[in-house]
Amino acid sequence: HWTSTQKALLETTENGKKLLNVEQKQQEEWKQKYANLNASEKANMSFEDFQWAMEAVHSRAFRGDFGALDGGEGGPLRKIASLLLPLSALAFGIIYASDPSMNKFYIPLSIVAAAPVALTIIADSKGSKEAVMLPLIDSANHLQEADSVIEFDPSVDGFVLSLGRKCLVKDVDDGRERAQVCISYGVRKDSELLLNYGFLRGVSMDGIKSDDGDVDRSQIRQRLAEAFLERYSS
């Protein structure tokens, strides 16, 4: 949570003001959502707890299709498409065995064969509203170029993270080479990264320490604000 003093730096530019307006609207929406809870729900959760939960969802939840059998929006279409594909191949094989020319069945079989592709395109246009919290996976840092894939695997009844070569990032710390695994949170604007994730791409927090050796949050936020303003100075 940024203090008024920490936000003051962002108020010096139009882009900074726009970001603060988005943050204010987000807080107002959360307050309205909390106000819509019934009495028993509010008795078990303060607004501060609700606010923390919303922040966790916005910064930690993954949204996507998670495989062909996803049950979210667009998921049933993908399920039908995945079932039609082997069925259409089987139909082609059976009819070809009895009538190699397939003159009478060419058009209907072509429609059946094209159906999985059409259903997948429709499902992609609808997108997905499925969102999941994956505490271990979300501990990895963000790298937009990382070729990571998160899918639900029914065989293990859980989510599986697949990593490509671009997920491994190497750097040198105190003269020693180290590597870390990064994943992609998707294409995110700087304003979204700063608002919901608390970081900016390419902005290092190296060297920021308080007198007792802990991370100085105030200095981190100042550095982030200055970097954001430098990129969007207009």
C-alpha atoms as a PDB file:
ATOM      1  CA  HIS A   1       0.000   0.000   0.000  1.00  0.00           C
ATOM      2  CA  TRP A   2       1.501   3.269  -1.126  1.00  0.00           C
ATOM      3  CA  THR A   3       1.221   6.242   1.208  1.00  0.00           C
ATOM      4  CA  SER A   4       0.046   9.673   0.037  1.00  0.00           C
ATOM      5  CA  THR A   5       3.651  10.866   0.118  1.00  0.00           C
ATOM      6  CA  GLN A   6       4.785   7.973  -2.077  1.00  0.00           C
ATOM      7  CA  LYS A   7       1.943   8.620  -4.546  1.00  0.00           C
ATOM      8  CA  ALA A   8       2.748  12.327  -4.725  1.00  0.00           C
ATOM      9  CA  LEU A   9       5.585  11.706  -7.184  1.00  0.00           C
ATOM     10  CA  LEU A  10       3.176  10.075  -9.650  1.00  0.00           C
ATOM     11  CA  GLU A  11       0.848  13.086  -9.471  1.00  0.00           C
ATOM     12  CA  THR A  12       3.426  15.256 -11.250  1.00  0.00           C
ATOM     13  CA  THR A  13       2.571  13.882 -14.735  1.00  0.00           C
ATOM     14  CA  GLU A  14      -0.619  13.106 -16.651  1.00  0.00           C
ATOM     15  CA  ASN A  15       0.265   9.419 -17.021  1.00  0.00           C
ATOM     16  CA  GLY A  16       0.974   9.193 -13.326  1.00  0.00           C
ATOM     17  CA  LYS A  17      -2.392  10.782 -12.551  1.00  0.00           C
ATOM     18  CA  LYS A  18      -4.133   8.319 -14.885  1.00  0.00           C
ATOM     19  CA  LEU A  19      -2.545   5.415 -13.029  1.00  0.00           C
ATOM     20  CA  LEU A  20      -3.662   6.824  -9.685  1.00  0.00           C
ATOM     21  CA  ASN A  21      -7.199   7.284 -11.034  1.00  0.00           C
ATOM     22  CA  VAL A  22      -7.275   3.629 -12.088  1.00  0.00           C
ATOM     23  CA  GLU A  23      -6.101   2.622  -8.626  1.00  0.00           C
ATOM     24  CA  GLN A  24      -8.803   4.743  -7.015  1.00  0.00           C
ATOM     25  CA  LYS A  25     -11.537   3.243  -9.215  1.00  0.00           C
ATOM     26  CA  GLN A  26     -10.253  -0.232  -8.397  1.00  0.00           C
ATOM     27  CA  GLN A  27     -10.486   0.495  -4.677  1.00  0.00           C
ATOM     28  CA  GLU A  28     -14.013   1.867  -5.096  1.00  0.00           C
ATOM     29  CA  GLU A  29     -15.063  -1.288  -6.969  1.00  0.00           C
ATOM     30  CA  TRP A  30     -13.656  -3.463  -4.186  1.00  0.00           C
ATOM     31  CA  LYS A  31     -15.499  -1.431  -1.559  1.00  0.00           C
ATOM     32  CA  GLN A  32     -18.721  -1.907  -3.508  1.00  0.00           C
ATOM     33  CA  LYS A  33     -18.125  -5.639  -3.813  1.00  0.00           C
ATOM     34  CA  TYR A  34     -17.568  -5.844  -0.068  1.00  0.00           C
ATOM     35  CA  ALA A  35     -20.700  -3.784   0.602  1.00  0.00           C
ATOM     36  CA  ASN A  36     -22.709  -6.305  -1.441  1.00  0.00           C
ATOM     37  CA  LEU A  37     -21.716  -9.177   0.858  1.00  0.00           C
ATOM     38  CA  ASN A  38     -24.340 -10.390   3.293  1.00  0.00           C
ATOM     39  CA  ALA A  39     -24.047  -9.884   7.046  1.00  0.00           C
ATOM     40  CA  SER A  40     -22.712 -13.359   7.810  1.00  0.00           C
ATOM     41  CA  GLU A  41     -19.974 -13.002   5.174  1.00  0.00           C
ATOM     42  CA  LYS A  42     -18.932  -9.616   6.540  1.00  0.00           C
ATOM     43  CA  ALA A  43     -18.861 -11.055  10.066  1.00  0.00           C
ATOM     44  CA  ASN A  44     -16.166 -13.500   8.964  1.00  0.00           C
ATOM     45  CA  MET A  45     -14.142 -11.042   6.906  1.00  0.00           C
ATOM     46  CA  SER A  46     -13.162  -7.437   7.488  1.00  0.00           C
ATOM     47  CA  PHE A  47     -12.768  -5.078   4.549  1.00  0.00           C
ATOM     48  CA  GLU A  48      -8.988  -5.172   5.088  1.00  0.00           C
ATOM     49  CA  ASP A  49      -9.034  -8.958   4.696  1.00  0.00           C
ATOM     50  CA  PHE A  50     -11.258  -8.656   1.610  1.00  0.00           C
ATOM     51  CA  GLN A  51      -8.927  -6.048   0.147  1.00  0.00           C
ATOM     52  CA  TRP A  52      -5.919  -8.315   0.739  1.00  0.00           C
ATOM     53  CA  ALA A  53      -7.743 -11.183  -0.984  1.00  0.00           C
ATOM     54  CA  MET A  54      -8.545  -9.018  -4.016  1.00  0.00           C
ATOM     55  CA  GLU A  55      -4.937  -7.884  -4.232  1.00  0.00           C
ATOM     56  CA  ALA A  56      -3.804 -11.512  -4.099  1.00  0.00           C
ATOM     57  CA  VAL A  57      -6.197 -12.478  -6.881  1.00  0.00           C
ATOM     58  CA  HIS A  58      -5.144  -9.579  -9.110  1.00  0.00           C
ATOM     59  CA  SER A  59      -1.435 -10.218  -8.594  1.00  0.00           C
ATOM     60  CA  ARG A  60      -1.310 -14.012  -8.229  1.00  0.00           C
ATOM     61  CA  ALA A  61      -4.196 -15.621 -10.122  1.00  0.00           C
ATOM     62  CA  PHE A  62      -3.632 -17.167 -13.526  1.00  0.00           C
ATOM     63  CA  ARG A  63      -6.356 -16.900 -16.152  1.00  0.00           C
ATOM     64  CA  GLY A  64      -6.520 -19.106 -19.222  1.00  0.00           C
ATOM     65  CA  ASP A  65      -7.820 -22.239 -20.873  1.00  0.00           C
ATOM     66  CA  PHE A  66      -5.496 -24.742 -19.114  1.00  0.00           C
ATOM     67  CA  GLY A  67      -5.798 -27.451 -21.756  1.00  0.00           C
ATOM     68  CA  ALA A  68      -8.371 -28.744 -24.221  1.00  0.00           C
ATOM     69  CA  LEU A  69     -10.734 -30.070 -21.549  1.00  0.00           C
ATOM     70  CA  ASP A  70     -11.044 -26.772 -19.737  1.00  0.00           C
ATOM     71  CA  GLY A  71     -14.537 -26.304 -18.368  1.00  0.00           C
ATOM     72  CA  GLY A  72     -14.570 -22.505 -18.399  1.00  0.00           C
ATOM     73  CA  GLU A  73     -16.006 -20.187 -20.997  1.00  0.00           C
ATOM     74  CA  GLY A  74     -15.172 -21.695 -24.370  1.00  0.00           C
ATOM     75  CA  GLY A  75     -14.132 -24.948 -22.657  1.00  0.00           C
ATOM     76  CA  PRO A  76     -17.156 -27.060 -23.731  1.00  0.00           C
ATOM     77  CA  LEU A  77     -16.508 -26.089 -27.353  1.00  0.00           C
ATOM     78  CA  ARG A  78     -12.932 -27.273 -27.050  1.00  0.00           C
ATOM     79  CA  LYS A  79     -14.102 -30.508 -25.473  1.00  0.00           C
ATOM     80  CA  ILE A  80     -16.464 -31.155 -28.380  1.00  0.00           C
ATOM     81  CA  ALA A  81     -13.692 -30.271 -30.835  1.00  0.00           C
ATOM     82  CA  SER A  82     -11.280 -32.707 -29.178  1.00  0.00           C
ATOM     83  CA  LEU A  83     -13.885 -35.476 -29.421  1.00  0.00           C
ATOM     84  CA  LEU A  84     -14.835 -34.732 -33.027  1.00  0.00           C
ATOM     85  CA  LEU A  85     -11.263 -34.932 -34.274  1.00  0.00           C
ATOM     86  CA  PRO A  86     -10.724 -38.695 -33.701  1.00  0.00           C
ATOM     87  CA  LEU A  87     -14.348 -39.457 -34.637  1.00  0.00           C
ATOM     88  CA  SER A  88     -13.992 -37.702 -37.987  1.00  0.00           C
ATOM     89  CA  ALA A  89     -10.756 -39.610 -38.677  1.00  0.00           C
ATOM     90  CA  LEU A  90     -12.506 -42.871 -37.809  1.00  0.00           C
ATOM     91  CA  ALA A  91     -15.418 -42.014 -40.114  1.00  0.00           C
ATOM     92  CA  PHE A  92     -13.045 -41.262 -42.977  1.00  0.00           C
ATOM     93  CA  GLY A  93     -11.328 -44.616 -42.467  1.00  0.00           C
ATOM     94  CA  ILE A  94     -14.546 -46.639 -42.357  1.00  0.00           C
ATOM     95  CA  ILE A  95     -16.093 -44.980 -45.432  1.00  0.00           C
ATOM     96  CA  TYR A  96     -12.854 -45.090 -47.410  1.00  0.00           C
ATOM     97  CA  ALA A  97     -12.587 -48.824 -46.758  1.00  0.00           C
ATOM     98  CA  SER A  98     -16.050 -49.403 -48.227  1.00  0.00           C
ATOM     99  CA  ASP A  99     -15.989 -46.701 -50.918  1.00  0.00           C
ATOM    100  CA  PRO A 100     -12.515 -45.350 -51.811  1.00  0.00           C
ATOM    101  CA  SER A 101     -13.994 -42.702 -54.106  1.00  0.00           C
ATOM    102  CA  MET A 102     -16.123 -41.259 -51.271  1.00  0.00           C
ATOM    103  CA  ASN A 103     -18.141 -39.335 -53.868  1.00  0.00           C
ATOM    104  CA  LYS A 104     -21.381 -39.492 -51.880  1.00  0.00           C
ATOM    105  CA  PHE A 105     -19.788 -38.614 -48.567  1.00  0.00           C
ATOM    106  CA  TYR A 106     -17.129 -36.046 -49.524  1.00  0.00           C
ATOM    107  CA  ILE A 107     -19.079 -32.909 -48.527  1.00  0.00           C
ATOM    108  CA  PRO A 108     -20.519 -34.148 -45.197  1.00  0.00           C
ATOM    109  CA  LEU A 109     -17.160 -35.647 -44.179  1.00  0.00           C
ATOM    110  CA  SER A 110     -15.399 -32.391 -45.069  1.00  0.00           C
ATOM    111  CA  ILE A 111     -17.826 -30.502 -42.809  1.00  0.00           C
ATOM    112  CA  VAL A 112     -17.193 -32.942 -39.965  1.00  0.00           C
ATOM    113  CA  ALA A 113     -13.434 -32.651 -40.459  1.00  0.00           C
ATOM    114  CA  ALA A 114     -13.569 -28.846 -40.427  1.00  0.00           C
ATOM    115  CA  ALA A 115     -15.832 -28.694 -37.365  1.00  0.00           C
ATOM    116  CA  PRO A 116     -13.031 -29.095 -34.740  1.00  0.00           C
ATOM    117  CA  VAL A 117     -11.092 -26.205 -36.266  1.00  0.00           C
ATOM    118  CA  ALA A 118     -14.192 -23.990 -36.415  1.00  0.00           C
ATOM    119  CA  LEU A 119     -15.173 -24.809 -32.828  1.00  0.00           C
ATOM    120  CA  THR A 120     -11.656 -24.051 -31.585  1.00  0.00           C
ATOM    121  CA  ILE A 121     -11.648 -20.678 -33.379  1.00  0.00           C
ATOM    122  CA  ILE A 122     -15.006 -19.802 -31.795  1.00  0.00           C
ATOM    123  CA  ALA A 123     -13.757 -20.879 -28.371  1.00  0.00           C
ATOM    124  CA  ASP A 124     -10.621 -18.739 -28.772  1.00  0.00           C
ATOM    125  CA  SER A 125     -12.749 -15.714 -29.687  1.00  0.00           C
ATOM    126  CA  LYS A 126     -14.807 -16.197 -26.531  1.00  0.00           C
ATOM    127  CA  GLY A 127     -11.746 -16.437 -24.343  1.00  0.00           C
ATOM    128  CA  SER A 128     -11.827 -17.918 -20.865  1.00  0.00           C
ATOM    129  CA  LYS A 129     -12.870 -16.672 -17.455  1.00  0.00           C
ATOM    130  CA  GLU A 130     -11.232 -19.545 -15.596  1.00  0.00           C
ATOM    131  CA  ALA A 131      -8.823 -18.277 -12.950  1.00  0.00           C
ATOM    132  CA  VAL A 132      -6.764 -20.352 -10.538  1.00  0.00           C
ATOM    133  CA  MET A 133      -4.407 -19.688  -7.633  1.00  0.00           C
ATOM    134  CA  LEU A 134      -1.179 -21.680  -7.843  1.00  0.00           C
ATOM    135  CA  PRO A 135       0.932 -20.766  -4.780  1.00  0.00           C
ATOM    136  CA  LEU A 136       4.106 -22.607  -5.803  1.00  0.00           C
ATOM    137  CA  ILE A 137       4.097 -21.628  -9.470  1.00  0.00           C
ATOM    138  CA  ASP A 138       3.289 -17.964  -8.795  1.00  0.00           C
ATOM    139  CA  SER A 139       6.512 -17.608  -6.790  1.00  0.00           C
ATOM    140  CA  ALA A 140       8.443 -17.478 -10.077  1.00  0.00           C
ATOM    141  CA  ASN A 141       9.342 -14.038 -11.389  1.00  0.00           C
ATOM    142  CA  HIS A 142       7.814 -12.636 -14.568  1.00  0.00           C
ATOM    143  CA  LEU A 143       9.570 -12.652 -17.921  1.00  0.00           C
ATOM    144  CA  GLN A 144       7.255 -11.761 -20.784  1.00  0.00           C
ATOM    145  CA  GLU A 145       9.365 -13.681 -23.301  1.00  0.00           C
ATOM    146  CA  ALA A 146       9.442 -16.864 -21.212  1.00  0.00           C
ATOM    147  CA  ASP A 147       7.980 -19.855 -23.069  1.00  0.00           C
ATOM    148  CA  SER A 148       6.128 -21.298 -20.078  1.00  0.00           C
ATOM    149  CA  VAL A 149       2.832 -23.189 -20.299  1.00  0.00           C
ATOM    150  CA  ILE A 150       0.415 -23.979 -17.467  1.00  0.00           C
ATOM    151  CA  GLU A 151      -2.039 -26.797 -18.100  1.00  0.00           C
ATOM    152  CA  PHE A 152      -4.401 -28.927 -16.074  1.00  0.00           C
ATOM    153  CA  ASP A 153      -3.410 -32.589 -16.230  1.00  0.00           C
ATOM    154  CA  PRO A 154      -6.353 -34.911 -15.459  1.00  0.00           C
ATOM    155  CA  SER A 155      -3.983 -37.856 -14.974  1.00  0.00           C
ATOM    156  CA  VAL A 156      -2.500 -36.247 -11.867  1.00  0.00           C
ATOM    157  CA  ASP A 157      -5.571 -34.151 -11.040  1.00  0.00           C
ATOM    158  CA  GLY A 158      -3.437 -31.026 -10.848  1.00  0.00           C
ATOM    159  CA  PHE A 159      -1.770 -28.227 -12.757  1.00  0.00           C
ATOM    160  CA  VAL A 160       1.517 -28.823 -14.543  1.00  0.00           C
ATOM    161  CA  LEU A 161       4.061 -26.150 -15.473  1.00  0.00           C
ATOM    162  CA  SER A 162       6.071 -26.749 -18.637  1.00  0.00           C
ATOM    163  CA  LEU A 163       9.241 -24.712 -19.107  1.00  0.00           C
ATOM    164  CA  GLY A 164      11.098 -23.863 -22.281  1.00  0.00           C
ATOM    165  CA  ARG A 165      14.654 -22.657 -22.763  1.00  0.00           C
ATOM    166  CA  LYS A 166      13.659 -19.009 -22.478  1.00  0.00           C
ATOM    167  CA  CYS A 167      12.458 -19.575 -18.896  1.00  0.00           C
ATOM    168  CA  LEU A 168      15.985 -19.944 -17.511  1.00  0.00           C
ATOM    169  CA  VAL A 169      17.652 -16.615 -16.770  1.00  0.00           C
ATOM    170  CA  LYS A 170      21.293 -16.387 -15.761  1.00  0.00           C
ATOM    171  CA  ASP A 171      23.009 -13.471 -14.066  1.00  0.00           C
ATOM    172  CA  VAL A 172      26.076 -12.767 -11.971  1.00  0.00           C
ATOM    173  CA  ASP A 173      25.808 -11.904  -8.270  1.00  0.00           C
ATOM    174  CA  ASP A 174      28.908 -11.111  -6.194  1.00  0.00           C
ATOM    175  CA  GLY A 175      31.084 -12.640  -8.871  1.00  0.00           C
ATOM    176  CA  ARG A 176      29.137 -15.901  -8.945  1.00  0.00           C
ATOM    177  CA  GLU A 177      26.854 -17.012 -11.727  1.00  0.00           C
ATOM    178  CA  ARG A 178      23.355 -17.975 -10.704  1.00  0.00           C
ATOM    179  CA  ALA A 179      20.201 -18.924 -12.552  1.00  0.00           C
ATOM    180  CA  GLN A 180      16.522 -18.546 -11.852  1.00  0.00           C
ATOM    181  CA  VAL A 181      13.400 -19.929 -13.467  1.00  0.00           C
ATOM    182  CA  CYS A 182      10.974 -17.313 -14.792  1.00  0.00           C
ATOM    183  CA  ILE A 183       7.485 -17.677 -16.203  1.00  0.00           C
ATOM    184  CA  SER A 184       5.344 -15.377 -18.307  1.00  0.00           C
ATOM    185  CA  TYR A 185       2.348 -13.671 -16.722  1.00  0.00           C
ATOM    186  CA  GLY A 186       1.275 -12.760 -20.237  1.00  0.00           C
ATOM    187  CA  VAL A 187       1.537  -9.446 -22.065  1.00  0.00           C
ATOM    188  CA  ARG A 188       1.207  -6.769 -19.400  1.00  0.00           C
ATOM    189  CA  LYS A 189       1.477  -2.991 -19.677  1.00  0.00           C
ATOM    190  CA  ASP A 190       3.757  -1.138 -17.284  1.00  0.00           C
ATOM    191  CA  SER A 191       0.734   0.487 -15.664  1.00  0.00           C
ATOM    192  CA  GLU A 192      -0.774  -2.941 -14.891  1.00  0.00           C
ATOM    193  CA  LEU A 193       2.526  -4.323 -13.621  1.00  0.00           C
ATOM    194  CA  LEU A 194       3.002  -1.374 -11.292  1.00  0.00           C
ATOM    195  CA  LEU A 195      -0.612  -1.290 -10.109  1.00  0.00           C
ATOM    196  CA  ASN A 196      -1.241  -4.994  -9.488  1.00  0.00           C
ATOM    197  CA  TYR A 197       2.192  -6.614  -9.316  1.00  0.00           C
ATOM    198  CA  GLY A 198       4.389  -3.959  -7.750  1.00  0.00           C
ATOM    199  CA  PHE A 199       7.263  -4.023 -10.231  1.00  0.00           C
ATOM    200  CA  LEU A 200       8.357  -2.817 -13.657  1.00  0.00           C
ATOM    201  CA  ARG A 201      10.271  -4.709 -16.303  1.00  0.00           C
ATOM    202  CA  GLY A 202      13.945  -3.817 -16.382  1.00  0.00           C
ATOM    203  CA  VAL A 203      13.918  -1.960 -13.059  1.00  0.00           C
ATOM    204  CA  SER A 204      16.306  -3.547 -10.580  1.00  0.00           C
ATOM    205  CA  MET A 205      15.947  -3.254  -6.823  1.00  0.00           C
ATOM    206  CA  ASP A 206      19.620  -4.028  -6.204  1.00  0.00           C
ATOM    207  CA  GLY A 207      21.246  -1.951  -3.517  1.00  0.00           C
ATOM    208  CA  ILE A 208      18.049  -0.985  -1.698  1.00  0.00           C
ATOM    209  CA  LYS A 209      18.448  -1.808   1.974  1.00  0.00           C
ATOM    210  CA  SER A 210      17.384  -0.146   5.202  1.00  0.00           C
ATOM    211  CA  ASP A 211      19.742   0.501   8.087  1.00  0.00           C
ATOM    212  CA  ASP A 212      18.889  -2.867   9.672  1.00  0.00           C
ATOM    213  CA  GLY A 213      19.532  -4.741   6.414  1.00  0.00           C
ATOM    214  CA  ASP A 214      15.896  -5.335   5.476  1.00  0.00           C
ATOM    215  CA  VAL A 215      14.316  -4.247   2.194  1.00  0.00           C
ATOM    216  CA  ASP A 216      13.267  -0.593   2.303  1.00  0.00           C
ATOM    217  CA  ARG A 217       9.764  -0.488   0.775  1.00  0.00           C
ATOM    218  CA  SER A 218       9.764   3.300   0.618  1.00  0.00           C
ATOM    219  CA  GLN A 219      12.901   3.356  -1.531  1.00  0.00           C
ATOM    220  CA  ILE A 220      11.523   0.604  -3.756  1.00  0.00           C
ATOM    221  CA  ARG A 221       8.344   2.561  -4.435  1.00  0.00           C
ATOM    222  CA  GLN A 222      10.303   5.742  -5.089  1.00  0.00           C
ATOM    223  CA  ARG A 223      12.504   3.954  -7.610  1.00  0.00           C
ATOM    224  CA  LEU A 224       9.473   2.432  -9.333  1.00  0.00           C
ATOM    225  CA  ALA A 225       7.678   5.773  -9.488  1.00  0.00           C
ATOM    226  CA  GLU A 226      10.748   7.506 -10.912  1.00  0.00           C
ATOM    227  CA  ALA A 227      11.218   4.757 -13.534  1.00  0.00           C
ATOM    228  CA  PHE A 228       7.549   4.925 -14.548  1.00  0.00           C
ATOM    229  CA  LEU A 229       7.674   8.710 -14.892  1.00  0.00           C
ATOM    230  CA  GLU A 230      10.894   8.515 -16.911  1.00  0.00           C
ATOM    231  CA  ARG A 231       9.252   6.137 -19.385  1.00  0.00           C
ATOM    232  CA  TYR A 232       6.039   8.135 -19.587  1.00  0.00           C
ATOM    233  CA  SER A 233       7.115  11.692 -18.956  1.00  0.00           C
ATOM    234  CA  SER A 234       4.386  13.313 -21.055  1.00  0.00           C
END
